[in-house]
Amino acid sequence: MTVATLWLLTAAALIAAGLWRVVTAATALRQVVALNVVAAGATVLLVAVGEVGAAPDPREARTMAAAGVVVMLGVTAFAVRLLRHPDHDAGRGGADP
């Protein structure tokens, strides 16, 4: 088993486990965490593709993976804020009666 195969198997396991948890999660917060696991699997997949040699330069895949982590962090923060928004802002004198 090569290192690239190990990366690919890890990516597949993360994506499969995350998707399964998205479907079976009881709360929206757990679904957000499960989507983060899927995004981490996609990041590992990008690194694996760079290791296999499909990318012209392995640094390109690593750069895209790093950018994906930053985007994943921003989307997670936004999703958590949306999950918390109705609970915290209700009854604060907004435009709704």
Protein backbone atom coordinates (compact mmCIF):
# COMPACT_ATOMS: atom_id res chain seq x y z
CA MET A 1 0.00 0.00 0.00
CA THR A 2 1.44 3.31 -1.05
CA VAL A 3 1.15 6.60 0.79
CA ALA A 4 -1.19 7.96 -1.90
CA THR A 5 -3.51 4.97 -1.46
CA LEU A 6 -3.59 5.58 2.28
CA TRP A 7 -4.50 9.25 1.67
CA LEU A 8 -7.28 8.22 -0.72
CA LEU A 9 -8.70 5.64 1.70
CA THR A 10 -8.64 8.18 4.53
CA ALA A 11 -10.44 10.72 2.36
CA ALA A 12 -13.07 8.17 1.38
CA ALA A 13 -13.62 7.16 5.01
CA LEU A 14 -14.00 10.77 6.16
CA ILE A 15 -16.42 11.63 3.37
CA ALA A 16 -18.50 8.48 3.90
CA ALA A 17 -18.67 8.90 7.69
CA GLY A 18 -19.55 12.57 7.37
CA LEU A 19 -22.31 11.98 4.84
CA TRP A 20 -23.75 9.17 6.94
CA ARG A 21 -23.81 11.43 9.99
CA VAL A 22 -25.43 14.28 8.04
CA VAL A 23 -28.30 11.95 7.20
CA THR A 24 -28.64 10.48 10.71
CA ALA A 25 -27.94 13.55 12.87
CA ALA A 26 -30.70 14.62 15.23
CA THR A 27 -29.83 18.31 15.50
CA ALA A 28 -28.73 20.97 13.05
CA LEU A 29 -25.50 21.61 14.96
CA ARG A 30 -24.50 17.97 14.58
CA GLN A 31 -25.22 18.24 10.87
CA VAL A 32 -22.90 21.25 10.65
CA VAL A 33 -20.16 19.28 12.39
CA ALA A 34 -20.77 16.34 10.04
CA LEU A 35 -20.46 18.66 7.05
CA ASN A 36 -17.13 19.80 8.46
CA VAL A 37 -16.00 16.17 8.46
CA VAL A 38 -17.04 15.90 4.79
CA ALA A 39 -15.10 19.09 4.02
CA ALA A 40 -12.06 17.69 5.83
CA GLY A 41 -12.34 14.56 3.69
CA ALA A 42 -12.43 16.70 0.56
CA THR A 43 -9.32 18.51 1.77
CA VAL A 44 -7.53 15.20 2.31
CA LEU A 45 -8.68 14.15 -1.17
CA LEU A 46 -7.06 17.26 -2.67
CA VAL A 47 -3.80 16.43 -0.92
CA ALA A 48 -4.04 12.83 -2.12
CA VAL A 49 -4.50 13.95 -5.72
CA GLY A 50 -1.39 16.09 -5.33
CA GLU A 51 0.53 13.08 -4.02
CA VAL A 52 -0.58 10.82 -6.87
CA GLY A 53 0.80 13.28 -9.37
CA ALA A 54 -2.42 14.19 -11.15
CA ALA A 55 -1.74 17.85 -10.42
CA PRO A 56 1.08 19.48 -12.40
CA ASP A 57 2.63 20.67 -9.15
CA PRO A 58 1.89 19.10 -5.73
CA ARG A 59 2.08 22.55 -4.14
CA GLU A 60 -1.03 23.56 -6.08
CA ALA A 61 -3.10 20.85 -4.41
CA ARG A 62 -1.77 21.80 -0.99
CA THR A 63 -2.55 25.46 -1.63
CA MET A 64 -6.09 24.60 -2.65
CA ALA A 65 -6.43 22.43 0.46
CA ALA A 66 -5.30 25.31 2.67
CA ALA A 67 -7.78 27.63 0.98
CA GLY A 68 -10.48 25.02 1.51
CA VAL A 69 -9.74 24.92 5.23
CA VAL A 70 -10.10 28.70 5.46
CA VAL A 71 -13.39 28.64 3.57
CA MET A 72 -14.60 25.74 5.74
CA LEU A 73 -13.87 27.78 8.87
CA GLY A 74 -15.82 30.76 7.55
CA VAL A 75 -18.80 28.68 6.48
CA THR A 76 -18.85 26.93 9.85
CA ALA A 77 -18.85 30.22 11.72
CA PHE A 78 -21.67 31.49 9.51
CA ALA A 79 -23.71 28.30 9.95
CA VAL A 80 -23.33 28.36 13.72
CA ARG A 81 -24.39 32.01 13.78
CA LEU A 82 -27.48 31.15 11.72
CA LEU A 83 -28.28 28.32 14.11
CA ARG A 84 -28.03 30.61 17.12
CA HIS A 85 -29.72 33.66 15.55
CA PRO A 86 -33.42 32.96 16.29
CA ASP A 87 -32.73 32.07 19.93
CA HIS A 88 -30.64 35.10 20.79
CA ASP A 89 -32.37 37.83 18.83
CA ALA A 90 -35.98 36.98 19.71
CA GLY A 91 -37.66 39.59 21.85
CA ARG A 92 -35.04 42.33 21.54
CA GLY A 93 -37.35 44.99 20.20
CA GLY A 94 -37.03 44.23 16.50
CA ALA A 95 -39.50 45.17 13.77
CA ASP A 96 -41.63 42.06 14.30
CA PRO A 97 -44.58 42.52 16.69
